[in-house]
Amino acid sequence: SLKKDIRTQQEEAVLNNIEFMESVHAKSYSSIFSTLNTPKEID
């Protein structure tokens, strides 16, 4: 949504980077769950 209103082309590149790292963050919690919890607990 933020990329629809960029001020510079470089800003879009920065937001692309942020978007990817937010996906890394979300996945990281699943890595924590898979280490500490059973499949039933995760569900």
PDB file of all heavy atoms in Angstrom:
ATOM      1  N   SER A   1       0.827  -1.208   0.000  1.00  0.00           N
ATOM      2  CA  SER A   1       0.000   0.000   0.000  1.00  0.00           C
ATOM      3  C   SER A   1       0.860   1.256   0.000  1.00  0.00           C
ATOM      4  O   SER A   1       0.524   2.245  -0.665  1.00  0.00           O
ATOM      5  CB  SER A   1      -0.946   0.003   1.205  1.00  0.00           C
ATOM      6  OG  SER A   1      -0.273   0.312   2.404  1.00  0.00           O
ATOM      7  N   LEU A   2       1.979   1.227   0.705  1.00  0.00           N
ATOM      8  CA  LEU A   2       2.862   2.394   0.737  1.00  0.00           C
ATOM      9  C   LEU A   2       3.541   2.622  -0.615  1.00  0.00           C
ATOM     10  O   LEU A   2       3.805   3.764  -1.002  1.00  0.00           O
ATOM     11  CB  LEU A   2       3.930   2.236   1.818  1.00  0.00           C
ATOM     12  CG  LEU A   2       3.467   2.140   3.274  1.00  0.00           C
ATOM     13  CD1 LEU A   2       4.664   2.237   4.219  1.00  0.00           C
ATOM     14  CD2 LEU A   2       2.444   3.193   3.623  1.00  0.00           C
ATOM     15  N   LYS A   3       3.794   1.545  -1.323  1.00  0.00           N
ATOM     16  CA  LYS A   3       4.499   1.668  -2.613  1.00  0.00           C
ATOM     17  C   LYS A   3       3.667   2.363  -3.685  1.00  0.00           C
ATOM     18  O   LYS A   3       4.193   2.800  -4.699  1.00  0.00           O
ATOM     19  CB  LYS A   3       4.945   0.280  -3.098  1.00  0.00           C
ATOM     20  CG  LYS A   3       6.186  -0.232  -2.374  1.00  0.00           C
ATOM     21  CD  LYS A   3       6.742  -1.502  -2.987  1.00  0.00           C
ATOM     22  CE  LYS A   3       5.964  -2.706  -2.582  1.00  0.00           C
ATOM     23  NZ  LYS A   3       6.590  -3.974  -3.065  1.00  0.00           N
ATOM     24  N   LYS A   4       2.368   2.507  -3.444  1.00  0.00           N
ATOM     25  CA  LYS A   4       1.513   3.198  -4.417  1.00  0.00           C
ATOM     26  C   LYS A   4       1.742   4.703  -4.410  1.00  0.00           C
ATOM     27  O   LYS A   4       1.309   5.396  -5.325  1.00  0.00           O
ATOM     28  CB  LYS A   4       0.039   2.898  -4.116  1.00  0.00           C
ATOM     29  CG  LYS A   4      -0.339   1.432  -4.303  1.00  0.00           C
ATOM     30  CD  LYS A   4      -1.773   1.177  -3.879  1.00  0.00           C
ATOM     31  CE  LYS A   4      -2.134  -0.297  -4.016  1.00  0.00           C
ATOM     32  NZ  LYS A   4      -3.513  -0.579  -3.530  1.00  0.00           N
ATOM     33  N   ASP A   5       2.410   5.199  -3.383  1.00  0.00           N
ATOM     34  CA  ASP A   5       2.551   6.650  -3.225  1.00  0.00           C
ATOM     35  C   ASP A   5       3.989   7.056  -2.934  1.00  0.00           C
ATOM     36  O   ASP A   5       4.256   7.937  -2.116  1.00  0.00           O
ATOM     37  CB  ASP A   5       1.642   7.134  -2.088  1.00  0.00           C
ATOM     38  CG  ASP A   5       0.195   6.729  -2.296  1.00  0.00           C
ATOM     39  OD1 ASP A   5      -0.424   7.233  -3.245  1.00  0.00           O
ATOM     40  OD2 ASP A   5      -0.304   5.889  -1.523  1.00  0.00           O
ATOM     41  N   ILE A   6       4.928   6.422  -3.621  1.00  0.00           N
ATOM     42  CA  ILE A   6       6.346   6.721  -3.394  1.00  0.00           C
ATOM     43  C   ILE A   6       6.702   8.101  -3.940  1.00  0.00           C
ATOM     44  O   ILE A   6       6.095   8.591  -4.888  1.00  0.00           O
ATOM     45  CB  ILE A   6       7.244   5.655  -4.044  1.00  0.00           C
ATOM     46  CG1 ILE A   6       6.919   5.508  -5.542  1.00  0.00           C
ATOM     47  CG2 ILE A   6       7.127   4.328  -3.311  1.00  0.00           C
ATOM     48  CD1 ILE A   6       7.881   4.660  -6.311  1.00  0.00           C
ATOM     49  N   ARG A   7       7.713   8.692  -3.338  1.00  0.00           N
ATOM     50  CA  ARG A   7       8.219   9.979  -3.794  1.00  0.00           C
ATOM     51  C   ARG A   7       9.404   9.811  -4.747  1.00  0.00           C
ATOM     52  O   ARG A   7       9.677  10.682  -5.563  1.00  0.00           O
ATOM     53  CB  ARG A   7       8.649  10.829  -2.589  1.00  0.00           C
ATOM     54  CG  ARG A   7       7.521  11.106  -1.599  1.00  0.00           C
ATOM     55  CD  ARG A   7       8.031  11.834  -0.364  1.00  0.00           C
ATOM     56  NE  ARG A   7       8.444  13.198  -0.682  1.00  0.00           N
ATOM     57  CZ  ARG A   7       7.654  14.258  -0.513  1.00  0.00           C
ATOM     58  NH1 ARG A   7       6.414  14.117  -0.065  1.00  0.00           N
ATOM     59  NH2 ARG A   7       8.100  15.463  -0.796  1.00  0.00           N
ATOM     60  N   THR A   8      10.128   8.697  -4.616  1.00  0.00           N
ATOM     61  CA  THR A   8      11.300   8.432  -5.460  1.00  0.00           C
ATOM     62  C   THR A   8      11.325   6.960  -5.841  1.00  0.00           C
ATOM     63  O   THR A   8      10.742   6.125  -5.149  1.00  0.00           O
ATOM     64  CB  THR A   8      12.615   8.758  -4.724  1.00  0.00           C
ATOM     65  OG1 THR A   8      12.790   7.825  -3.640  1.00  0.00           O
ATOM     66  CG2 THR A   8      12.605  10.187  -4.165  1.00  0.00           C
ATOM     67  N   GLN A   9      12.035   6.643  -6.930  1.00  0.00           N
ATOM     68  CA  GLN A   9      12.194   5.230  -7.294  1.00  0.00           C
ATOM     69  C   GLN A   9      12.961   4.471  -6.221  1.00  0.00           C
ATOM     70  O   GLN A   9      12.683   3.302  -5.942  1.00  0.00           O
ATOM     71  CB  GLN A   9      12.956   5.124  -8.627  1.00  0.00           C
ATOM     72  CG  GLN A   9      12.114   5.389  -9.862  1.00  0.00           C
ATOM     73  CD  GLN A   9      12.913   5.142 -11.129  1.00  0.00           C
ATOM     74  OE1 GLN A   9      13.868   5.879 -11.409  1.00  0.00           O
ATOM     75  NE2 GLN A   9      12.539   4.147 -11.885  1.00  0.00           N
ATOM     76  N   GLN A  10      13.938   5.134  -5.628  1.00  0.00           N
ATOM     77  CA  GLN A  10      14.743   4.478  -4.596  1.00  0.00           C
ATOM     78  C   GLN A  10      13.900   4.134  -3.373  1.00  0.00           C
ATOM     79  O   GLN A  10      14.139   3.122  -2.701  1.00  0.00           O
ATOM     80  CB  GLN A  10      15.924   5.367  -4.199  1.00  0.00           C
ATOM     81  CG  GLN A  10      17.008   5.488  -5.259  1.00  0.00           C
ATOM     82  CD  GLN A  10      16.659   6.488  -6.356  1.00  0.00           C
ATOM     83  OE1 GLN A  10      15.692   7.253  -6.235  1.00  0.00           O
ATOM     84  NE2 GLN A  10      17.448   6.497  -7.423  1.00  0.00           N
ATOM     85  N   GLU A  11      12.902   4.945  -3.090  1.00  0.00           N
ATOM     86  CA  GLU A  11      12.011   4.646  -1.974  1.00  0.00           C
ATOM     87  C   GLU A  11      11.302   3.317  -2.192  1.00  0.00           C
ATOM     88  O   GLU A  11      11.143   2.518  -1.257  1.00  0.00           O
ATOM     89  CB  GLU A  11      10.977   5.761  -1.788  1.00  0.00           C
ATOM     90  CG  GLU A  11      10.021   5.492  -0.635  1.00  0.00           C
ATOM     91  CD  GLU A  11       8.978   6.583  -0.454  1.00  0.00           C
ATOM     92  OE1 GLU A  11       9.100   7.646  -1.090  1.00  0.00           O
ATOM     93  OE2 GLU A  11       8.043   6.369   0.344  1.00  0.00           O
ATOM     94  N   GLU A  12      10.884   3.046  -3.414  1.00  0.00           N
ATOM     95  CA  GLU A  12      10.226   1.767  -3.685  1.00  0.00           C
ATOM     96  C   GLU A  12      11.179   0.606  -3.437  1.00  0.00           C
ATOM     97  O   GLU A  12      10.782  -0.430  -2.901  1.00  0.00           O
ATOM     98  CB  GLU A  12       9.706   1.720  -5.120  1.00  0.00           C
ATOM     99  CG  GLU A  12       8.979   0.410  -5.426  1.00  0.00           C
ATOM    100  CD  GLU A  12       8.134   0.470  -6.682  1.00  0.00           C
ATOM    101  OE1 GLU A  12       8.321   1.406  -7.489  1.00  0.00           O
ATOM    102  OE2 GLU A  12       7.287  -0.420  -6.853  1.00  0.00           O
ATOM    103  N   ALA A  13      12.453   0.778  -3.798  1.00  0.00           N
ATOM    104  CA  ALA A  13      13.433  -0.277  -3.543  1.00  0.00           C
ATOM    105  C   ALA A  13      13.591  -0.522  -2.042  1.00  0.00           C
ATOM    106  O   ALA A  13      13.674  -1.675  -1.590  1.00  0.00           O
ATOM    107  CB  ALA A  13      14.779   0.098  -4.167  1.00  0.00           C
ATOM    108  N   VAL A  14      13.617   0.548  -1.257  1.00  0.00           N
ATOM    109  CA  VAL A  14      13.722   0.408   0.189  1.00  0.00           C
ATOM    110  C   VAL A  14      12.488  -0.311   0.742  1.00  0.00           C
ATOM    111  O   VAL A  14      12.601  -1.218   1.575  1.00  0.00           O
ATOM    112  CB  VAL A  14      13.896   1.785   0.860  1.00  0.00           C
ATOM    113  CG1 VAL A  14      13.833   1.647   2.388  1.00  0.00           C
ATOM    114  CG2 VAL A  14      15.225   2.420   0.454  1.00  0.00           C
ATOM    115  N   LEU A  15      11.315   0.055   0.262  1.00  0.00           N
ATOM    116  CA  LEU A  15      10.085  -0.599   0.729  1.00  0.00           C
ATOM    117  C   LEU A  15      10.044  -2.068   0.315  1.00  0.00           C
ATOM    118  O   LEU A  15       9.504  -2.910   1.049  1.00  0.00           O
ATOM    119  CB  LEU A  15       8.864   0.150   0.207  1.00  0.00           C
ATOM    120  CG  LEU A  15       8.679   1.575   0.740  1.00  0.00           C
ATOM    121  CD1 LEU A  15       7.478   2.245   0.084  1.00  0.00           C
ATOM    122  CD2 LEU A  15       8.531   1.595   2.261  1.00  0.00           C
ATOM    123  N   ASN A  16      10.610  -2.395  -0.844  1.00  0.00           N
ATOM    124  CA  ASN A  16      10.724  -3.800  -1.240  1.00  0.00           C
ATOM    125  C   ASN A  16      11.567  -4.573  -0.231  1.00  0.00           C
ATOM    126  O   ASN A  16      11.249  -5.714   0.136  1.00  0.00           O
ATOM    127  CB  ASN A  16      11.361  -3.923  -2.622  1.00  0.00           C
ATOM    128  CG  ASN A  16      10.419  -3.554  -3.748  1.00  0.00           C
ATOM    129  OD1 ASN A  16       9.201  -3.584  -3.592  1.00  0.00           O
ATOM    130  ND2 ASN A  16      10.972  -3.186  -4.893  1.00  0.00           N
ATOM    131  N   ASN A  17      12.658  -3.959   0.197  1.00  0.00           N
ATOM    132  CA  ASN A  17      13.525  -4.593   1.188  1.00  0.00           C
ATOM    133  C   ASN A  17      12.766  -4.795   2.499  1.00  0.00           C
ATOM    134  O   ASN A  17      12.811  -5.881   3.104  1.00  0.00           O
ATOM    135  CB  ASN A  17      14.764  -3.715   1.410  1.00  0.00           C
ATOM    136  CG  ASN A  17      15.759  -4.326   2.378  1.00  0.00           C
ATOM    137  OD1 ASN A  17      15.449  -4.547   3.540  1.00  0.00           O
ATOM    138  ND2 ASN A  17      16.965  -4.574   1.898  1.00  0.00           N
ATOM    139  N   ILE A  18      12.058  -3.754   2.933  1.00  0.00           N
ATOM    140  CA  ILE A  18      11.291  -3.850   4.178  1.00  0.00           C
ATOM    141  C   ILE A  18      10.226  -4.939   4.066  1.00  0.00           C
ATOM    142  O   ILE A  18      10.023  -5.737   4.993  1.00  0.00           O
ATOM    143  CB  ILE A  18      10.654  -2.488   4.508  1.00  0.00           C
ATOM    144  CG1 ILE A  18      11.750  -1.460   4.858  1.00  0.00           C
ATOM    145  CG2 ILE A  18       9.652  -2.618   5.663  1.00  0.00           C
ATOM    146  CD1 ILE A  18      11.227  -0.050   5.059  1.00  0.00           C
ATOM    147  N   GLU A  19       9.562  -5.006   2.924  1.00  0.00           N
ATOM    148  CA  GLU A  19       8.515  -6.003   2.709  1.00  0.00           C
ATOM    149  C   GLU A  19       9.073  -7.421   2.856  1.00  0.00           C
ATOM    150  O   GLU A  19       8.471  -8.277   3.511  1.00  0.00           O
ATOM    151  CB  GLU A  19       7.928  -5.814   1.312  1.00  0.00           C
ATOM    152  CG  GLU A  19       6.760  -6.716   0.980  1.00  0.00           C
ATOM    153  CD  GLU A  19       6.145  -6.349  -0.357  1.00  0.00           C
ATOM    154  OE1 GLU A  19       6.892  -6.282  -1.361  1.00  0.00           O
ATOM    155  OE2 GLU A  19       4.937  -6.109  -0.404  1.00  0.00           O
ATOM    156  N   PHE A  20      10.240  -7.658   2.273  1.00  0.00           N
ATOM    157  CA  PHE A  20      10.857  -8.982   2.397  1.00  0.00           C
ATOM    158  C   PHE A  20      11.215  -9.296   3.844  1.00  0.00           C
ATOM    159  O   PHE A  20      10.949 -10.397   4.341  1.00  0.00           O
ATOM    160  CB  PHE A  20      12.103  -9.079   1.512  1.00  0.00           C
ATOM    161  CG  PHE A  20      12.872 -10.358   1.719  1.00  0.00           C
ATOM    162  CD1 PHE A  20      12.373 -11.562   1.247  1.00  0.00           C
ATOM    163  CD2 PHE A  20      14.069 -10.362   2.418  1.00  0.00           C
ATOM    164  CE1 PHE A  20      13.069 -12.752   1.453  1.00  0.00           C
ATOM    165  CE2 PHE A  20      14.772 -11.540   2.632  1.00  0.00           C
ATOM    166  CZ  PHE A  20      14.265 -12.743   2.141  1.00  0.00           C
ATOM    167  N   MET A  21      11.808  -8.318   4.535  1.00  0.00           N
ATOM    168  CA  MET A  21      12.221  -8.589   5.907  1.00  0.00           C
ATOM    169  C   MET A  21      11.019  -8.795   6.833  1.00  0.00           C
ATOM    170  O   MET A  21      11.107  -9.555   7.803  1.00  0.00           O
ATOM    171  CB  MET A  21      13.113  -7.464   6.425  1.00  0.00           C
ATOM    172  CG  MET A  21      14.511  -7.458   5.815  1.00  0.00           C
ATOM    173  SD  MET A  21      15.353  -9.080   5.802  1.00  0.00           S
ATOM    174  CE  MET A  21      15.464  -9.444   7.571  1.00  0.00           C
ATOM    175  N   GLU A  22       9.886  -8.165   6.529  1.00  0.00           N
ATOM    176  CA  GLU A  22       8.690  -8.450   7.325  1.00  0.00           C
ATOM    177  C   GLU A  22       8.260  -9.906   7.147  1.00  0.00           C
ATOM    178  O   GLU A  22       7.758 -10.538   8.083  1.00  0.00           O
ATOM    179  CB  GLU A  22       7.545  -7.504   6.949  1.00  0.00           C
ATOM    180  CG  GLU A  22       7.803  -6.028   7.237  1.00  0.00           C
ATOM    181  CD  GLU A  22       7.910  -5.683   8.709  1.00  0.00           C
ATOM    182  OE1 GLU A  22       7.692  -6.572   9.561  1.00  0.00           O
ATOM    183  OE2 GLU A  22       8.206  -4.518   9.024  1.00  0.00           O
ATOM    184  N   SER A  23       8.452 -10.438   5.954  1.00  0.00           N
ATOM    185  CA  SER A  23       8.163 -11.863   5.729  1.00  0.00           C
ATOM    186  C   SER A  23       9.140 -12.732   6.506  1.00  0.00           C
ATOM    187  O   SER A  23       8.756 -13.790   7.039  1.00  0.00           O
ATOM    188  CB  SER A  23       8.243 -12.184   4.230  1.00  0.00           C
ATOM    189  OG  SER A  23       7.219 -11.537   3.510  1.00  0.00           O
ATOM    190  N   VAL A  24      10.404 -12.321   6.573  1.00  0.00           N
ATOM    191  CA  VAL A  24      11.393 -13.045   7.382  1.00  0.00           C
ATOM    192  C   VAL A  24      10.968 -13.027   8.846  1.00  0.00           C
ATOM    193  O   VAL A  24      11.043 -14.053   9.543  1.00  0.00           O
ATOM    194  CB  VAL A  24      12.798 -12.427   7.214  1.00  0.00           C
ATOM    195  CG1 VAL A  24      13.788 -13.038   8.214  1.00  0.00           C
ATOM    196  CG2 VAL A  24      13.311 -12.627   5.796  1.00  0.00           C
ATOM    197  N   HIS A  25      10.520 -11.877   9.315  1.00  0.00           N
ATOM    198  CA  HIS A  25      10.071 -11.782  10.703  1.00  0.00           C
ATOM    199  C   HIS A  25       8.921 -12.754  10.972  1.00  0.00           C
ATOM    200  O   HIS A  25       8.935 -13.487  11.968  1.00  0.00           O
ATOM    201  CB  HIS A  25       9.593 -10.360  11.022  1.00  0.00           C
ATOM    202  CG  HIS A  25      10.645  -9.310  10.874  1.00  0.00           C
ATOM    203  ND1 HIS A  25      10.367  -7.965  10.969  1.00  0.00           N
ATOM    204  CD2 HIS A  25      11.975  -9.399  10.629  1.00  0.00           C
ATOM    205  CE1 HIS A  25      11.482  -7.275  10.791  1.00  0.00           C
ATOM    206  NE2 HIS A  25      12.470  -8.117  10.577  1.00  0.00           N
ATOM    207  N   ALA A  26       7.921 -12.752  10.092  1.00  0.00           N
ATOM    208  CA  ALA A  26       6.769 -13.633  10.283  1.00  0.00           C
ATOM    209  C   ALA A  26       7.191 -15.098  10.286  1.00  0.00           C
ATOM    210  O   ALA A  26       6.698 -15.898  11.100  1.00  0.00           O
ATOM    211  CB  ALA A  26       5.730 -13.377   9.189  1.00  0.00           C
ATOM    212  N   LYS A  27       8.103 -15.459   9.402  1.00  0.00           N
ATOM    213  CA  LYS A  27       8.585 -16.838   9.361  1.00  0.00           C
ATOM    214  C   LYS A  27       9.372 -17.204  10.616  1.00  0.00           C
ATOM    215  O   LYS A  27       9.336 -18.349  11.080  1.00  0.00           O
ATOM    216  CB  LYS A  27       9.453 -17.068   8.123  1.00  0.00           C
ATOM    217  CG  LYS A  27      10.009 -18.487   8.035  1.00  0.00           C
ATOM    218  CD  LYS A  27      10.940 -18.673   6.864  1.00  0.00           C
ATOM    219  CE  LYS A  27      11.567 -20.069   6.882  1.00  0.00           C
ATOM    220  NZ  LYS A  27      12.409 -20.279   8.093  1.00  0.00           N
ATOM    221  N   SER A  28      10.074 -16.223  11.182  1.00  0.00           N
ATOM    222  CA  SER A  28      10.900 -16.493  12.356  1.00  0.00           C
ATOM    223  C   SER A  28      10.070 -17.030  13.517  1.00  0.00           C
ATOM    224  O   SER A  28      10.522 -17.905  14.262  1.00  0.00           O
ATOM    225  CB  SER A  28      11.610 -15.213  12.796  1.00  0.00           C
ATOM    226  OG  SER A  28      12.487 -14.755  11.799  1.00  0.00           O
ATOM    227  N   TYR A  29       8.858 -16.511  13.660  1.00  0.00           N
ATOM    228  CA  TYR A  29       8.012 -16.992  14.747  1.00  0.00           C
ATOM    229  C   TYR A  29       7.631 -18.453  14.536  1.00  0.00           C
ATOM    230  O   TYR A  29       7.530 -19.220  15.500  1.00  0.00           O
ATOM    231  CB  TYR A  29       6.766 -16.110  14.878  1.00  0.00           C
ATOM    232  CG  TYR A  29       7.100 -14.658  15.120  1.00  0.00           C
ATOM    233  CD1 TYR A  29       6.668 -13.661  14.248  1.00  0.00           C
ATOM    234  CD2 TYR A  29       7.882 -14.274  16.211  1.00  0.00           C
ATOM    235  CE1 TYR A  29       6.985 -12.325  14.458  1.00  0.00           C
ATOM    236  CE2 TYR A  29       8.211 -12.947  16.430  1.00  0.00           C
ATOM    237  CZ  TYR A  29       7.762 -11.975  15.542  1.00  0.00           C
ATOM    238  OH  TYR A  29       8.097 -10.664  15.754  1.00  0.00           O
ATOM    239  N   SER A  30       7.438 -18.844  13.286  1.00  0.00           N
ATOM    240  CA  SER A  30       7.162 -20.256  13.013  1.00  0.00           C
ATOM    241  C   SER A  30       8.360 -21.124  13.361  1.00  0.00           C
ATOM    242  O   SER A  30       8.193 -22.269  13.809  1.00  0.00           O
ATOM    243  CB  SER A  30       6.771 -20.438  11.540  1.00  0.00           C
ATOM    244  OG  SER A  30       5.480 -19.921  11.289  1.00  0.00           O
ATOM    245  N   SER A  31       9.560 -20.599  13.152  1.00  0.00           N
ATOM    246  CA  SER A  31      10.764 -21.346  13.546  1.00  0.00           C
ATOM    247  C   SER A  31      10.803 -21.528  15.059  1.00  0.00           C
ATOM    248  O   SER A  31      11.189 -22.592  15.562  1.00  0.00           O
ATOM    249  CB  SER A  31      12.023 -20.612  13.080  1.00  0.00           C
ATOM    250  OG  SER A  31      12.098 -20.585  11.678  1.00  0.00           O
ATOM    251  N   ILE A  32      10.383 -20.498  15.789  1.00  0.00           N
ATOM    252  CA  ILE A  32      10.323 -20.612  17.250  1.00  0.00           C
ATOM    253  C   ILE A  32       9.290 -21.663  17.641  1.00  0.00           C
ATOM    254  O   ILE A  32       9.555 -22.541  18.471  1.00  0.00           O
ATOM    255  CB  ILE A  32       9.988 -19.243  17.882  1.00  0.00           C
ATOM    256  CG1 ILE A  32      11.143 -18.268  17.654  1.00  0.00           C
ATOM    257  CG2 ILE A  32       9.703 -19.401  19.378  1.00  0.00           C
ATOM    258  CD1 ILE A  32      10.832 -16.828  18.046  1.00  0.00           C
ATOM    259  N   PHE A  33       8.108 -21.587  17.031  1.00  0.00           N
ATOM    260  CA  PHE A  33       7.057 -22.563  17.343  1.00  0.00           C
ATOM    261  C   PHE A  33       7.513 -23.991  17.057  1.00  0.00           C
ATOM    262  O   PHE A  33       7.292 -24.900  17.854  1.00  0.00           O
ATOM    263  CB  PHE A  33       5.794 -22.272  16.532  1.00  0.00           C
ATOM    264  CG  PHE A  33       5.080 -21.003  16.911  1.00  0.00           C
ATOM    265  CD1 PHE A  33       4.493 -20.212  15.934  1.00  0.00           C
ATOM    266  CD2 PHE A  33       4.986 -20.597  18.231  1.00  0.00           C
ATOM    267  CE1 PHE A  33       3.833 -19.046  16.266  1.00  0.00           C
ATOM    268  CE2 PHE A  33       4.333 -19.423  18.585  1.00  0.00           C
ATOM    269  CZ  PHE A  33       3.757 -18.640  17.591  1.00  0.00           C
ATOM    270  N   SER A  34       8.137 -24.193  15.901  1.00  0.00           N
ATOM    271  CA  SER A  34       8.517 -25.557  15.518  1.00  0.00           C
ATOM    272  C   SER A  34       9.589 -26.121  16.444  1.00  0.00           C
ATOM    273  O   SER A  34       9.727 -27.340  16.568  1.00  0.00           O
ATOM    274  CB  SER A  34       9.009 -25.584  14.063  1.00  0.00           C
ATOM    275  OG  SER A  34      10.210 -24.858  13.919  1.00  0.00           O
ATOM    276  N   THR A  35      10.342 -25.238  17.108  1.00  0.00           N
ATOM    277  CA  THR A  35      11.358 -25.683  18.051  1.00  0.00           C
ATOM    278  C   THR A  35      10.767 -25.983  19.417  1.00  0.00           C
ATOM    279  O   THR A  35      11.113 -26.980  20.057  1.00  0.00           O
ATOM    280  CB  THR A  35      12.461 -24.602  18.195  1.00  0.00           C
ATOM    281  OG1 THR A  35      13.027 -24.334  16.918  1.00  0.00           O
ATOM    282  CG2 THR A  35      13.555 -25.061  19.152  1.00  0.00           C
ATOM    283  N   LEU A  36       9.856 -25.138  19.875  1.00  0.00           N
ATOM    284  CA  LEU A  36       9.371 -25.221  21.250  1.00  0.00           C
ATOM    285  C   LEU A  36       8.060 -25.970  21.409  1.00  0.00           C
ATOM    286  O   LEU A  36       7.766 -26.455  22.514  1.00  0.00           O
ATOM    287  CB  LEU A  36       9.190 -23.798  21.822  1.00  0.00           C
ATOM    288  CG  LEU A  36      10.414 -22.875  21.801  1.00  0.00           C
ATOM    289  CD1 LEU A  36      10.042 -21.529  22.422  1.00  0.00           C
ATOM    290  CD2 LEU A  36      11.607 -23.495  22.512  1.00  0.00           C
ATOM    291  N   ASN A  37       7.269 -26.090  20.346  1.00  0.00           N
ATOM    292  CA  ASN A  37       5.903 -26.594  20.478  1.00  0.00           C
ATOM    293  C   ASN A  37       5.649 -27.843  19.649  1.00  0.00           C
ATOM    294  O   ASN A  37       6.311 -28.080  18.643  1.00  0.00           O
ATOM    295  CB  ASN A  37       4.901 -25.514  20.053  1.00  0.00           C
ATOM    296  CG  ASN A  37       5.010 -24.250  20.875  1.00  0.00           C
ATOM    297  OD1 ASN A  37       5.651 -23.293  20.463  1.00  0.00           O
ATOM    298  ND2 ASN A  37       4.414 -24.251  22.054  1.00  0.00           N
ATOM    299  N   THR A  38       4.638 -28.597  20.064  1.00  0.00           N
ATOM    300  CA  THR A  38       4.198 -29.750  19.295  1.00  0.00           C
ATOM    301  C   THR A  38       3.301 -29.274  18.146  1.00  0.00           C
ATOM    302  O   THR A  38       2.768 -28.160  18.193  1.00  0.00           O
ATOM    303  CB  THR A  38       3.383 -30.705  20.178  1.00  0.00           C
ATOM    304  OG1 THR A  38       2.160 -30.041  20.565  1.00  0.00           O
ATOM    305  CG2 THR A  38       4.162 -31.111  21.425  1.00  0.00           C
ATOM    306  N   PRO A  39       3.094 -30.098  17.123  1.00  0.00           N
ATOM    307  CA  PRO A  39       2.192 -29.699  16.029  1.00  0.00           C
ATOM    308  C   PRO A  39       0.797 -29.316  16.514  1.00  0.00           C
ATOM    309  O   PRO A  39       0.199 -28.350  16.034  1.00  0.00           O
ATOM    310  CB  PRO A  39       2.155 -30.928  15.134  1.00  0.00           C
ATOM    311  CG  PRO A  39       3.490 -31.572  15.353  1.00  0.00           C
ATOM    312  CD  PRO A  39       3.794 -31.361  16.816  1.00  0.00           C
ATOM    313  N   LYS A  40       0.258 -30.045  17.489  1.00  0.00           N
ATOM    314  CA  LYS A  40      -1.069 -29.717  18.029  1.00  0.00           C
ATOM    315  C   LYS A  40      -1.052 -28.357  18.714  1.00  0.00           C
ATOM    316  O   LYS A  40      -1.982 -27.547  18.554  1.00  0.00           O
ATOM    317  CB  LYS A  40      -1.498 -30.810  19.027  1.00  0.00           C
ATOM    318  CG  LYS A  40      -2.802 -30.509  19.789  1.00  0.00           C
ATOM    319  CD  LYS A  40      -4.003 -30.395  18.857  1.00  0.00           C
ATOM    320  CE  LYS A  40      -5.326 -30.425  19.600  1.00  0.00           C
ATOM    321  NZ  LYS A  40      -5.493 -29.290  20.538  1.00  0.00           N
ATOM    322  N   GLU A  41       0.000 -28.099  19.475  1.00  0.00           N
ATOM    323  CA  GLU A  41       0.113 -26.794  20.141  1.00  0.00           C
ATOM    324  C   GLU A  41       0.205 -25.660  19.128  1.00  0.00           C
ATOM    325  O   GLU A  41      -0.395 -24.592  19.314  1.00  0.00           O
ATOM    326  CB  GLU A  41       1.337 -26.775  21.059  1.00  0.00           C
ATOM    327  CG  GLU A  41       1.176 -27.629  22.311  1.00  0.00           C
ATOM    328  CD  GLU A  41       2.475 -27.793  23.075  1.00  0.00           C
ATOM    329  OE1 GLU A  41       3.556 -27.544  22.491  1.00  0.00           O
ATOM    330  OE2 GLU A  41       2.418 -28.191  24.249  1.00  0.00           O
ATOM    331  N   ILE A  42       0.927 -25.880  18.048  1.00  0.00           N
ATOM    332  CA  ILE A  42       1.070 -24.858  17.011  1.00  0.00           C
ATOM    333  C   ILE A  42      -0.286 -24.573  16.372  1.00  0.00           C
ATOM    334  O   ILE A  42      -0.667 -23.414  16.155  1.00  0.00           O
ATOM    335  CB  ILE A  42       2.099 -25.292  15.947  1.00  0.00           C
ATOM    336  CG1 ILE A  42       3.493 -25.368  16.568  1.00  0.00           C
ATOM    337  CG2 ILE A  42       2.104 -24.323  14.765  1.00  0.00           C
ATOM    338  CD1 ILE A  42       4.533 -26.014  15.669  1.00  0.00           C
ATOM    339  N   ASP A  43      -1.041 -25.632  16.079  1.00  0.00           N
ATOM    340  CA  ASP A  43      -2.392 -25.446  15.512  1.00  0.00           C
ATOM    341  C   ASP A  43      -3.264 -24.626  16.461  1.00  0.00           C
ATOM    342  O   ASP A  43      -4.012 -23.737  16.024  1.00  0.00           O
ATOM    343  CB  ASP A  43      -3.053 -26.797  15.250  1.00  0.00           C
ATOM    344  CG  ASP A  43      -2.443 -27.523  14.060  1.00  0.00           C
ATOM    345  OD1 ASP A  43      -1.737 -26.877  13.257  1.00  0.00           O
ATOM    346  OD2 ASP A  43      -2.668 -28.746  13.952  1.00  0.00           O
TER     347      ASP A  43
END
